[in-house]
Each structure stands twice: as structure tokens, then as C-alpha cells.
Amino acid sequence: ARLDWLYRAINTLKPVDRTICLLHLDGLSYREMADIVGLTEENVGIRVHRCKQQLSTLVERSHEEL
């Protein structure tokens, strides 16, 4: 159930952010992710951070709804 929720939440992200998030979950380095999506390592790091923030917000909202 948690994994299903996580993937549904990831699907709400923008396509590039979704890709970065999934690559991050697969354990790729920022350099590897940057090569795949065509961004700088710094930009990938920023996007990973923002994705984590967005997902944390979704977790908080889902807990408030219970």
C-alpha cells in the first residue's frame, strides 16, 4: 500500500522531476542522472531536493486526512 501510494505521488510530479525521482530511487548518482536527463549535476541535486519536499508535503497532507 505504501509503495503504491509512493508511485501515485511520484506520478503527480513534472515529467523530468518524475524521471529524476525514479532514477534516484534506483540509486544512480547525480552525475549519472544528469547524463540521462541532460541537466547539470547541480540542477539534478536541486530537483531531487525539491522532489523530496513535494513528496513530504503530500505525506503530511495524507496523514491530516486520516
N, C-alpha and C. Protein backbone atom coordinates (compact mmCIF):
# COMPACT_ATOMS: atom_id res chain seq x y z
N ALA A 1 0.83 -1.20 0.00
CA ALA A 1 0.00 0.00 0.00
C ALA A 1 0.87 1.25 0.00
N ARG A 2 1.93 1.25 0.81
CA ARG A 2 2.80 2.43 0.85
C ARG A 2 3.53 2.63 -0.48
N LEU A 3 3.97 1.53 -1.05
CA LEU A 3 4.68 1.62 -2.32
C LEU A 3 3.75 2.12 -3.42
N ASP A 4 2.53 1.63 -3.43
CA ASP A 4 1.54 2.12 -4.40
C ASP A 4 1.31 3.61 -4.23
N TRP A 5 1.19 4.03 -2.96
CA TRP A 5 0.98 5.46 -2.69
C TRP A 5 2.17 6.27 -3.19
N LEU A 6 3.39 5.77 -2.94
CA LEU A 6 4.59 6.48 -3.36
C LEU A 6 4.61 6.67 -4.87
N TYR A 7 4.32 5.61 -5.61
CA TYR A 7 4.34 5.72 -7.07
C TYR A 7 3.23 6.64 -7.58
N ARG A 8 2.07 6.64 -6.94
CA ARG A 8 1.00 7.58 -7.33
C ARG A 8 1.44 9.01 -7.06
N ALA A 9 2.11 9.23 -5.93
CA ALA A 9 2.60 10.57 -5.60
C ALA A 9 3.68 11.01 -6.59
N ILE A 10 4.58 10.12 -6.93
CA ILE A 10 5.64 10.44 -7.91
C ILE A 10 5.02 10.79 -9.26
N ASN A 11 3.94 10.13 -9.62
CA ASN A 11 3.28 10.41 -10.90
C ASN A 11 2.65 11.80 -10.96
N THR A 12 2.51 12.47 -9.82
CA THR A 12 1.97 13.83 -9.82
C THR A 12 3.05 14.87 -10.16
N LEU A 13 4.31 14.45 -10.14
CA LEU A 13 5.42 15.37 -10.43
C LEU A 13 5.52 15.65 -11.92
N LYS A 14 6.23 16.74 -12.25
CA LYS A 14 6.51 17.05 -13.66
C LYS A 14 7.33 15.90 -14.25
N PRO A 15 7.21 15.66 -15.56
CA PRO A 15 7.91 14.52 -16.18
C PRO A 15 9.41 14.43 -15.88
N VAL A 16 10.13 15.54 -15.97
CA VAL A 16 11.58 15.49 -15.71
C VAL A 16 11.83 15.17 -14.23
N ASP A 17 11.05 15.80 -13.35
CA ASP A 17 11.21 15.54 -11.91
C ASP A 17 10.85 14.10 -11.59
N ARG A 18 9.84 13.57 -12.24
CA ARG A 18 9.43 12.18 -12.05
C ARG A 18 10.58 11.25 -12.44
N THR A 19 11.19 11.53 -13.57
CA THR A 19 12.32 10.71 -14.04
C THR A 19 13.47 10.77 -13.05
N ILE A 20 13.80 11.97 -12.61
CA ILE A 20 14.90 12.14 -11.66
C ILE A 20 14.60 11.40 -10.36
N CYS A 21 13.39 11.52 -9.88
CA CYS A 21 13.00 10.85 -8.64
C CYS A 21 13.14 9.34 -8.77
N LEU A 22 12.67 8.78 -9.87
CA LEU A 22 12.76 7.34 -10.07
C LEU A 22 14.21 6.88 -10.23
N LEU A 23 15.02 7.68 -10.92
CA LEU A 23 16.44 7.34 -11.05
C LEU A 23 17.13 7.39 -9.69
N HIS A 24 16.74 8.36 -8.88
CA HIS A 24 17.30 8.49 -7.53
C HIS A 24 16.94 7.25 -6.70
N LEU A 25 15.69 6.82 -6.81
CA LEU A 25 15.26 5.61 -6.09
C LEU A 25 16.03 4.38 -6.57
N ASP A 26 16.45 4.39 -7.83
CA ASP A 26 17.24 3.28 -8.38
C ASP A 26 18.70 3.35 -7.95
N GLY A 27 19.08 4.42 -7.24
CA GLY A 27 20.42 4.51 -6.69
C GLY A 27 21.46 5.12 -7.61
N LEU A 28 21.03 5.81 -8.67
CA LEU A 28 22.00 6.43 -9.56
C LEU A 28 22.60 7.68 -8.91
N SER A 29 23.82 8.00 -9.30
CA SER A 29 24.48 9.21 -8.80
C SER A 29 23.92 10.43 -9.53
N TYR A 30 24.17 11.61 -8.96
CA TYR A 30 23.72 12.84 -9.61
C TYR A 30 24.35 12.96 -11.00
N ARG A 31 25.59 12.55 -11.12
CA ARG A 31 26.28 12.61 -12.42
C ARG A 31 25.57 11.72 -13.44
N GLU A 32 25.25 10.49 -13.03
CA GLU A 32 24.56 9.57 -13.94
C GLU A 32 23.18 10.11 -14.33
N MET A 33 22.47 10.65 -13.35
CA MET A 33 21.15 11.22 -13.65
C MET A 33 21.27 12.41 -14.59
N ALA A 34 22.28 13.25 -14.35
CA ALA A 34 22.50 14.43 -15.19
C ALA A 34 22.76 14.02 -16.64
N ASP A 35 23.55 12.98 -16.83
CA ASP A 35 23.84 12.49 -18.17
C ASP A 35 22.58 11.99 -18.87
N ILE A 36 21.70 11.33 -18.12
CA ILE A 36 20.49 10.77 -18.71
C ILE A 36 19.49 11.86 -19.09
N VAL A 37 19.28 12.84 -18.19
CA VAL A 37 18.23 13.84 -18.45
C VAL A 37 18.76 15.11 -19.11
N GLY A 38 20.07 15.24 -19.25
CA GLY A 38 20.64 16.39 -19.95
C GLY A 38 20.69 17.66 -19.12
N LEU A 39 20.84 17.52 -17.81
CA LEU A 39 20.95 18.68 -16.93
C LEU A 39 22.31 18.63 -16.24
N THR A 40 22.64 19.70 -15.51
CA THR A 40 23.88 19.70 -14.73
C THR A 40 23.67 18.91 -13.45
N GLU A 41 24.76 18.45 -12.85
CA GLU A 41 24.67 17.73 -11.59
C GLU A 41 24.02 18.62 -10.52
N GLU A 42 24.39 19.89 -10.52
CA GLU A 42 23.83 20.83 -9.53
C GLU A 42 22.31 20.93 -9.68
N ASN A 43 21.86 21.03 -10.93
CA ASN A 43 20.43 21.14 -11.18
C ASN A 43 19.71 19.86 -10.76
N VAL A 44 20.31 18.72 -11.00
CA VAL A 44 19.73 17.44 -10.57
C VAL A 44 19.60 17.43 -9.04
N GLY A 45 20.64 17.88 -8.35
CA GLY A 45 20.60 17.93 -6.89
C GLY A 45 19.48 18.81 -6.37
N ILE A 46 19.30 19.94 -7.01
CA ILE A 46 18.22 20.86 -6.62
C ILE A 46 16.87 20.20 -6.86
N ARG A 47 16.72 19.54 -7.99
CA ARG A 47 15.45 18.89 -8.31
C ARG A 47 15.16 17.72 -7.37
N VAL A 48 16.19 16.96 -6.99
CA VAL A 48 16.00 15.86 -6.03
C VAL A 48 15.50 16.44 -4.71
N HIS A 49 16.13 17.52 -4.27
CA HIS A 49 15.73 18.16 -3.02
C HIS A 49 14.27 18.63 -3.09
N ARG A 50 13.91 19.28 -4.19
CA ARG A 50 12.54 19.78 -4.34
C ARG A 50 11.53 18.63 -4.41
N CYS A 51 11.89 17.55 -5.07
CA CYS A 51 11.00 16.39 -5.15
C CYS A 51 10.76 15.82 -3.76
N LYS A 52 11.81 15.73 -2.96
CA LYS A 52 11.67 15.21 -1.60
C LYS A 52 10.73 16.11 -0.79
N GLN A 53 10.88 17.43 -0.98
CA GLN A 53 10.00 18.38 -0.29
C GLN A 53 8.55 18.19 -0.71
N GLN A 54 8.31 18.06 -2.01
CA GLN A 54 6.95 17.89 -2.51
C GLN A 54 6.34 16.60 -1.99
N LEU A 55 7.10 15.52 -1.99
CA LEU A 55 6.60 14.24 -1.51
C LEU A 55 6.34 14.29 -0.01
N SER A 56 7.19 14.99 0.74
CA SER A 56 6.97 15.15 2.18
C SER A 56 5.67 15.90 2.45
N THR A 57 5.41 16.93 1.66
CA THR A 57 4.17 17.69 1.80
C THR A 57 2.97 16.80 1.53
N LEU A 58 3.06 15.96 0.50
CA LEU A 58 1.96 15.04 0.20
C LEU A 58 1.74 14.04 1.33
N VAL A 59 2.82 13.58 1.95
CA VAL A 59 2.71 12.65 3.08
C VAL A 59 1.99 13.34 4.24
N GLU A 60 2.39 14.58 4.53
CA GLU A 60 1.76 15.32 5.62
C GLU A 60 0.27 15.50 5.35
N ARG A 61 -0.08 15.86 4.13
CA ARG A 61 -1.49 16.05 3.78
C ARG A 61 -2.27 14.76 3.91
N SER A 62 -1.70 13.65 3.49
CA SER A 62 -2.42 12.37 3.57
C SER A 62 -2.63 11.95 5.02
N HIS A 63 -1.68 12.31 5.91
CA HIS A 63 -1.84 11.98 7.32
C HIS A 63 -2.90 12.86 7.97
N GLU A 64 -3.01 14.11 7.51
CA GLU A 64 -4.03 15.02 8.04
C GLU A 64 -5.43 14.56 7.65
N GLU A 65 -5.55 13.90 6.50
CA GLU A 65 -6.84 13.46 6.01
C GLU A 65 -7.35 12.22 6.74
N LEU A 66 -6.46 11.54 7.46
CA LEU A 66 -6.87 10.31 8.18
C LEU A 66 -7.61 10.62 9.45
